[in-house]
Each structure stands twice: as structure tokens, then as C-alpha cells.
PDB file of N, CA and C in Angstrom:
ATOM      1  N   MET A   1     130.513  58.879 129.259  1.00  0.00           N
ATOM      2  CA  MET A   1     129.550  59.919 128.954  1.00  0.00           C
ATOM      3  C   MET A   1     129.316  60.772 130.187  1.00  0.00           C
ATOM      4  N   SER A   2     128.986  62.009 129.938  1.00  0.00           N
ATOM      5  CA  SER A   2     128.684  62.918 131.032  1.00  0.00           C
ATOM      6  C   SER A   2     127.245  63.383 130.900  1.00  0.00           C
ATOM      7  N   SER A   3     126.765  64.051 131.920  1.00  0.00           N
ATOM      8  CA  SER A   3     125.405  64.572 131.885  1.00  0.00           C
ATOM      9  C   SER A   3     125.438  66.066 131.645  1.00  0.00           C
ATOM     10  N   THR A   4     124.460  66.537 130.897  1.00  0.00           N
ATOM     11  CA  THR A   4     124.338  67.969 130.660  1.00  0.00           C
ATOM     12  C   THR A   4     123.502  68.574 131.774  1.00  0.00           C
ATOM     13  N   ALA A   5     123.364  69.896 131.764  1.00  0.00           N
ATOM     14  CA  ALA A   5     122.569  70.577 132.792  1.00  0.00           C
ATOM     15  C   ALA A   5     121.133  70.075 132.799  1.00  0.00           C
ATOM     16  N   SER A   6     120.643  69.641 131.645  1.00  0.00           N
ATOM     17  CA  SER A   6     119.264  69.156 131.580  1.00  0.00           C
ATOM     18  C   SER A   6     119.164  67.685 131.952  1.00  0.00           C
ATOM     19  N   GLY A   7     120.292  67.064 132.295  1.00  0.00           N
ATOM     20  CA  GLY A   7     120.289  65.658 132.689  1.00  0.00           C
ATOM     21  C   GLY A   7     120.488  64.699 131.535  1.00  0.00           C
ATOM     22  N   GLN A   8     120.587  65.209 130.316  1.00  0.00           N
ATOM     23  CA  GLN A   8     120.799  64.352 129.160  1.00  0.00           C
ATOM     24  C   GLN A   8     122.253  63.927 129.098  1.00  0.00           C
ATOM     25  N   SER A   9     122.473  62.740 128.593  1.00  0.00           N
ATOM     26  CA  SER A   9     123.834  62.251 128.435  1.00  0.00           C
ATOM     27  C   SER A   9     124.467  62.871 127.203  1.00  0.00           C
ATOM     28  N   SER A  10     125.746  63.098 127.276  1.00  0.00           N
ATOM     29  CA  SER A  10     126.461  63.590 126.100  1.00  0.00           C
ATOM     30  C   SER A  10     127.811  62.907 126.032  1.00  0.00           C
ATOM     31  N   ASN A  11     128.380  62.896 124.862  1.00  0.00           N
ATOM     32  CA  ASN A  11     129.711  62.335 124.674  1.00  0.00           C
ATOM     33  C   ASN A  11     130.693  63.485 124.536  1.00  0.00           C
ATOM     34  N   TYR A  12     130.589  64.481 125.389  1.00  0.00           N
ATOM     35  CA  TYR A  12     131.405  65.690 125.315  1.00  0.00           C
ATOM     36  C   TYR A  12     132.890  65.390 125.424  1.00  0.00           C
ATOM     37  N   ALA A  13     133.255  64.438 126.275  1.00  0.00           N
ATOM     38  CA  ALA A  13     134.681  64.127 126.455  1.00  0.00           C
ATOM     39  C   ALA A  13     135.316  63.732 125.129  1.00  0.00           C
ATOM     40  N   GLY A  14     134.609  62.955 124.323  1.00  0.00           N
ATOM     41  CA  GLY A  14     135.135  62.575 123.018  1.00  0.00           C
ATOM     42  C   GLY A  14     135.192  63.758 122.073  1.00  0.00           C
ATOM     43  N   ALA A  15     134.165  64.575 122.089  1.00  0.00           N
ATOM     44  CA  ALA A  15     134.128  65.754 121.221  1.00  0.00           C
ATOM     45  C   ALA A  15     135.193  66.755 121.618  1.00  0.00           C
ATOM     46  N   GLU A  16     135.499  66.828 122.885  1.00  0.00           N
ATOM     47  CA  GLU A  16     136.507  67.771 123.383  1.00  0.00           C
ATOM     48  C   GLU A  16     137.884  67.475 122.801  1.00  0.00           C
ATOM     49  N   ARG A  17     138.176  66.220 122.526  1.00  0.00           N
ATOM     50  CA  ARG A  17     139.492  65.827 121.989  1.00  0.00           C
ATOM     51  C   ARG A  17     139.539  65.895 120.465  1.00  0.00           C
ATOM     52  N   TYR A  18     138.396  65.980 119.807  1.00  0.00           N
ATOM     53  CA  TYR A  18     138.355  65.976 118.348  1.00  0.00           C
ATOM     54  C   TYR A  18     139.007  67.233 117.777  1.00  0.00           C
ATOM     55  N   ARG A  19     139.804  67.053 116.776  1.00  0.00           N
ATOM     56  CA  ARG A  19     140.401  68.159 116.040  1.00  0.00           C
ATOM     57  C   ARG A  19     140.147  67.907 114.566  1.00  0.00           C
ATOM     58  N   MET A  20     139.530  68.871 113.905  1.00  0.00           N
ATOM     59  CA  MET A  20     139.236  68.685 112.491  1.00  0.00           C
ATOM     60  C   MET A  20     140.534  68.509 111.709  1.00  0.00           C
ATOM     61  N   PRO A  21     140.482  67.744 110.615  1.00  0.00           N
ATOM     62  CA  PRO A  21     141.682  67.603 109.792  1.00  0.00           C
ATOM     63  C   PRO A  21     142.003  68.923 109.102  1.00  0.00           C
ATOM     64  N   THR A  22     143.182  68.996 108.556  1.00  0.00           N
ATOM     65  CA  THR A  22     143.600  70.211 107.861  1.00  0.00           C
ATOM     66  C   THR A  22     142.672  70.485 106.687  1.00  0.00           C
ATOM     67  N   PRO A  23     142.055  71.670 106.652  1.00  0.00           N
ATOM     68  CA  PRO A  23     141.223  72.009 105.493  1.00  0.00           C
ATOM     69  C   PRO A  23     142.084  72.031 104.220  1.00  0.00           C
ATOM     70  N   GLU A  24     141.475  71.692 103.116  1.00  0.00           N
ATOM     71  CA  GLU A  24     142.185  71.654 101.843  1.00  0.00           C
ATOM     72  C   GLU A  24     142.839  72.997 101.542  1.00  0.00           C
ATOM     73  N   ASN A  25     144.069  72.963 101.076  1.00  0.00           N
ATOM     74  CA  ASN A  25     144.853  74.142 100.694  1.00  0.00           C
ATOM     75  C   ASN A  25     145.196  75.077 101.853  1.00  0.00           C
ATOM     76  N   THR A  26     145.130  74.580 103.072  1.00  0.00           N
ATOM     77  CA  THR A  26     145.479  75.389 104.241  1.00  0.00           C
ATOM     78  C   THR A  26     146.983  75.287 104.479  1.00  0.00           C
ATOM     79  N   PRO A  27     147.682  76.415 104.578  1.00  0.00           N
ATOM     80  CA  PRO A  27     149.123  76.358 104.865  1.00  0.00           C
ATOM     81  C   PRO A  27     149.383  75.665 106.210  1.00  0.00           C
ATOM     82  N   ALA A  28     150.474  74.943 106.269  1.00  0.00           N
ATOM     83  CA  ALA A  28     150.827  74.210 107.492  1.00  0.00           C
ATOM     84  C   ALA A  28     150.907  75.142 108.702  1.00  0.00           C
ATOM     85  N   GLU A  29     151.433  76.356 108.491  1.00  0.00           N
ATOM     86  CA  GLU A  29     151.548  77.310 109.607  1.00  0.00           C
ATOM     87  C   GLU A  29     150.171  77.667 110.179  1.00  0.00           C
ATOM     88  N   MET A  30     149.182  77.794 109.292  1.00  0.00           N
ATOM     89  CA  MET A  30     147.830  78.136 109.742  1.00  0.00           C
ATOM     90  C   MET A  30     147.226  76.982 110.525  1.00  0.00           C
ATOM     91  N   TYR A  31     147.424  75.767 110.048  1.00  0.00           N
ATOM     92  CA  TYR A  31     146.865  74.623 110.767  1.00  0.00           C
ATOM     93  C   TYR A  31     147.535  74.457 112.130  1.00  0.00           C
ATOM     94  N   ARG A  32     148.834  74.682 112.198  1.00  0.00           N
ATOM     95  CA  ARG A  32     149.522  74.614 113.503  1.00  0.00           C
ATOM     96  C   ARG A  32     148.930  75.652 114.456  1.00  0.00           C
ATOM     97  N   LEU A  33     148.652  76.840 113.938  1.00  0.00           N
ATOM     98  CA  LEU A  33     148.032  77.879 114.760  1.00  0.00           C
ATOM     99  C   LEU A  33     146.646  77.441 115.221  1.00  0.00           C
ATOM    100  N   MET A  34     145.877  76.836 114.324  1.00  0.00           N
ATOM    101  CA  MET A  34     144.550  76.341 114.690  1.00  0.00           C
ATOM    102  C   MET A  34     144.651  75.331 115.830  1.00  0.00           C
ATOM    103  N   LEU A  35     145.592  74.414 115.721  1.00  0.00           N
ATOM    104  CA  LEU A  35     145.761  73.403 116.770  1.00  0.00           C
ATOM    105  C   LEU A  35     146.130  74.050 118.104  1.00  0.00           C
ATOM    106  N   LYS A  36     146.981  75.061 118.058  1.00  0.00           N
ATOM    107  CA  LYS A  36     147.346  75.758 119.299  1.00  0.00           C
ATOM    108  C   LYS A  36     146.130  76.449 119.915  1.00  0.00           C
ATOM    109  N   CYS A  37     145.270  77.000 119.078  1.00  0.00           N
ATOM    110  CA  CYS A  37     144.065  77.674 119.572  1.00  0.00           C
ATOM    111  C   CYS A  37     143.105  76.698 120.235  1.00  0.00           C
ATOM    112  N   TRP A  38     143.157  75.442 119.840  1.00  0.00           N
ATOM    113  CA  TRP A  38     142.264  74.422 120.397  1.00  0.00           C
ATOM    114  C   TRP A  38     142.875  73.692 121.584  1.00  0.00           C
ATOM    115  N   ALA A  39     144.009  74.136 122.076  1.00  0.00           N
ATOM    116  CA  ALA A  39     144.651  73.456 123.205  1.00  0.00           C
ATOM    117  C   ALA A  39     143.683  73.358 124.383  1.00  0.00           C
ATOM    118  N   ALA A  40     143.674  72.200 125.034  1.00  0.00           N
ATOM    119  CA  ALA A  40     142.784  71.988 126.182  1.00  0.00           C
ATOM    120  C   ALA A  40     143.122  72.949 127.316  1.00  0.00           C
ATOM    121  N   ASP A  41     144.390  73.202 127.504  1.00  0.00           N
ATOM    122  CA  ASP A  41     144.839  74.109 128.563  1.00  0.00           C
ATOM    123  C   ASP A  41     144.834  75.541 128.025  1.00  0.00           C
ATOM    124  N   ALA A  42     143.990  76.372 128.590  1.00  0.00           N
ATOM    125  CA  ALA A  42     143.852  77.754 128.115  1.00  0.00           C
ATOM    126  C   ALA A  42     145.176  78.513 128.141  1.00  0.00           C
ATOM    127  N   GLU A  43     146.026  78.217 129.086  1.00  0.00           N
ATOM    128  CA  GLU A  43     147.325  78.901 129.181  1.00  0.00           C
ATOM    129  C   GLU A  43     148.244  78.547 128.018  1.00  0.00           C
ATOM    130  N   SER A  44     147.975  77.429 127.361  1.00  0.00           N
ATOM    131  CA  SER A  44     148.793  76.999 126.218  1.00  0.00           C
ATOM    132  C   SER A  44     148.341  77.614 124.905  1.00  0.00           C
ATOM    133  N   ARG A  45     147.176  78.220 124.899  1.00  0.00           N
ATOM    134  CA  ARG A  45     146.642  78.826 123.679  1.00  0.00           C
ATOM    135  C   ARG A  45     147.383  80.122 123.370  1.00  0.00           C
ATOM    136  N   PRO A  46     147.534  80.442 122.086  1.00  0.00           N
ATOM    137  CA  PRO A  46     148.261  81.663 121.719  1.00  0.00           C
ATOM    138  C   PRO A  46     147.480  82.917 122.101  1.00  0.00           C
ATOM    139  N   HIS A  47     148.218  83.944 122.432  1.00  0.00           N
ATOM    140  CA  HIS A  47     147.608  85.248 122.699  1.00  0.00           C
ATOM    141  C   HIS A  47     147.343  85.924 121.358  1.00  0.00           C
ATOM    142  N   PHE A  48     146.549  86.969 121.391  1.00  0.00           N
ATOM    143  CA  PHE A  48     146.152  87.635 120.155  1.00  0.00           C
ATOM    144  C   PHE A  48     147.358  88.104 119.344  1.00  0.00           C
ATOM    145  N   ASP A  49     148.398  88.604 120.001  1.00  0.00           N
ATOM    146  CA  ASP A  49     149.547  89.102 119.239  1.00  0.00           C
ATOM    147  C   ASP A  49     150.217  87.991 118.438  1.00  0.00           C
ATOM    148  N   GLU A  50     150.277  86.784 118.974  1.00  0.00           N
ATOM    149  CA  GLU A  50     150.860  85.668 118.226  1.00  0.00           C
ATOM    150  C   GLU A  50     149.961  85.296 117.047  1.00  0.00           C
ATOM    151  N   ILE A  51     148.653  85.261 117.276  1.00  0.00           N
ATOM    152  CA  ILE A  51     147.710  84.957 116.197  1.00  0.00           C
ATOM    153  C   ILE A  51     147.862  85.995 115.087  1.00  0.00           C
ATOM    154  N   TYR A  52     147.883  87.258 115.469  1.00  0.00           N
ATOM    155  CA  TYR A  52     148.026  88.347 114.499  1.00  0.00           C
ATOM    156  C   TYR A  52     149.318  88.186 113.698  1.00  0.00           C
ATOM    157  N   ASN A  53     150.427  87.927 114.376  1.00  0.00           N
ATOM    158  CA  ASN A  53     151.719  87.820 113.692  1.00  0.00           C
ATOM    159  C   ASN A  53     151.749  86.666 112.699  1.00  0.00           C
ATOM    160  N   VAL A  54     151.199  85.524 113.082  1.00  0.00           N
ATOM    161  CA  VAL A  54     151.183  84.367 112.179  1.00  0.00           C
ATOM    162  C   VAL A  54     150.306  84.659 110.966  1.00  0.00           C
ATOM    163  N   VAL A  55     149.115  85.176 111.192  1.00  0.00           N
ATOM    164  CA  VAL A  55     148.195  85.455 110.087  1.00  0.00           C
ATOM    165  C   VAL A  55     148.759  86.551 109.182  1.00  0.00           C
ATOM    166  N   ASP A  56     149.327  87.584 109.766  1.00  0.00           N
ATOM    167  CA  ASP A  56     149.917  88.668 108.978  1.00  0.00           C
ATOM    168  C   ASP A  56     151.054  88.149 108.101  1.00  0.00           C
ATOM    169  N   ALA A  57     151.914  87.316 108.669  1.00  0.00           N
ATOM    170  CA  ALA A  57     153.033  86.750 107.896  1.00  0.00           C
ATOM    171  C   ALA A  57     152.520  85.874 106.757  1.00  0.00           C
ATOM    172  N   LEU A  58     151.473  85.111 107.014  1.00  0.00           N
ATOM    173  CA  LEU A  58     150.904  84.274 105.960  1.00  0.00           C
ATOM    174  C   LEU A  58     150.306  85.122 104.839  1.00  0.00           C
ATOM    175  N   ILE A  59     149.607  86.169 105.199  1.00  0.00           N
ATOM    176  CA  ILE A  59     149.028  87.052 104.183  1.00  0.00           C
ATOM    177  C   ILE A  59     150.118  87.691 103.338  1.00  0.00           C
ATOM    178  N   LEU A  60     151.165  88.186 103.983  1.00  0.00           N
ATOM    179  CA  LEU A  60     152.269  88.784 103.236  1.00  0.00           C
ATOM    180  C   LEU A  60     152.919  87.788 102.303  1.00  0.00           C
ATOM    181  N   ARG A  61     153.146  86.567 102.811  1.00  0.00           N
ATOM    182  CA  ARG A  61     153.780  85.540 101.995  1.00  0.00           C
ATOM    183  C   ARG A  61     152.892  85.179 100.815  1.00  0.00           C
ATOM    184  N   LEU A  62     151.598  85.046 101.041  1.00  0.00           N
ATOM    185  CA  LEU A  62     150.698  84.689  99.945  1.00  0.00           C
ATOM    186  C   LEU A  62     150.576  85.816  98.927  1.00  0.00           C
ATOM    187  N   ASP A  63     150.552  87.058  99.411  1.00  0.00           N
ATOM    188  CA  ASP A  63     150.497  88.223  98.511  1.00  0.00           C
ATOM    189  C   ASP A  63     151.737  88.277  97.621  1.00  0.00           C
ATOM    190  N   ASN A  64     152.891  87.958  98.174  1.00  0.00           N
ATOM    191  CA  ASN A  64     154.150  88.028  97.429  1.00  0.00           C
ATOM    192  C   ASN A  64     154.334  86.858  96.475  1.00  0.00           C
ATOM    193  N   SER A  65     153.544  85.813  96.654  1.00  0.00           N
ATOM    194  CA  SER A  65     153.700  84.637  95.786  1.00  0.00           C
ATOM    195  C   SER A  65     152.883  84.752  94.511  1.00  0.00           C
ATOM    196  N   HIS A  66     152.075  85.786  94.383  1.00  0.00           N
ATOM    197  CA  HIS A  66     151.248  85.953  93.178  1.00  0.00           C
ATOM    198  C   HIS A  66     151.861  86.894  92.207  1.00  0.00           C
TER     199      HIS A  66
END
């Protein structure tokens, strides 16, 4: 456990590693993008252009599947 600025204990280290499970009906590509966005190392996180490209491709694919 670590201490917060107010001196209270927190279990932040455990929360920092937590990754929510895949939301229901979420495409695998979107969940992979979510995981990349949550990378502990900021340099490993996707830049906006990569996020845009993945989301745009998913929208196009979903639009074409209807």
C-alpha cells in the first residue's frame, strides 16, 4: 500500500494494474486499442492518429455490415 497526499493508505498499485474485461459486444480490435491506451509506459500508448485510424476502420466495417 502507498500513502496519498493526505496521508491515507491506498491500494493504488493494485488498481494501477487492473484492466477491465472486454465489454459485451466490443470488437476485439477496439479492446486491443483500449489495452494499448492503458499501457503503464506512456511512450507505449497509441498516438491520436492511431486511435483515429482504428476507430474509423471499425466504424466503416460496422456500417458496411448492416
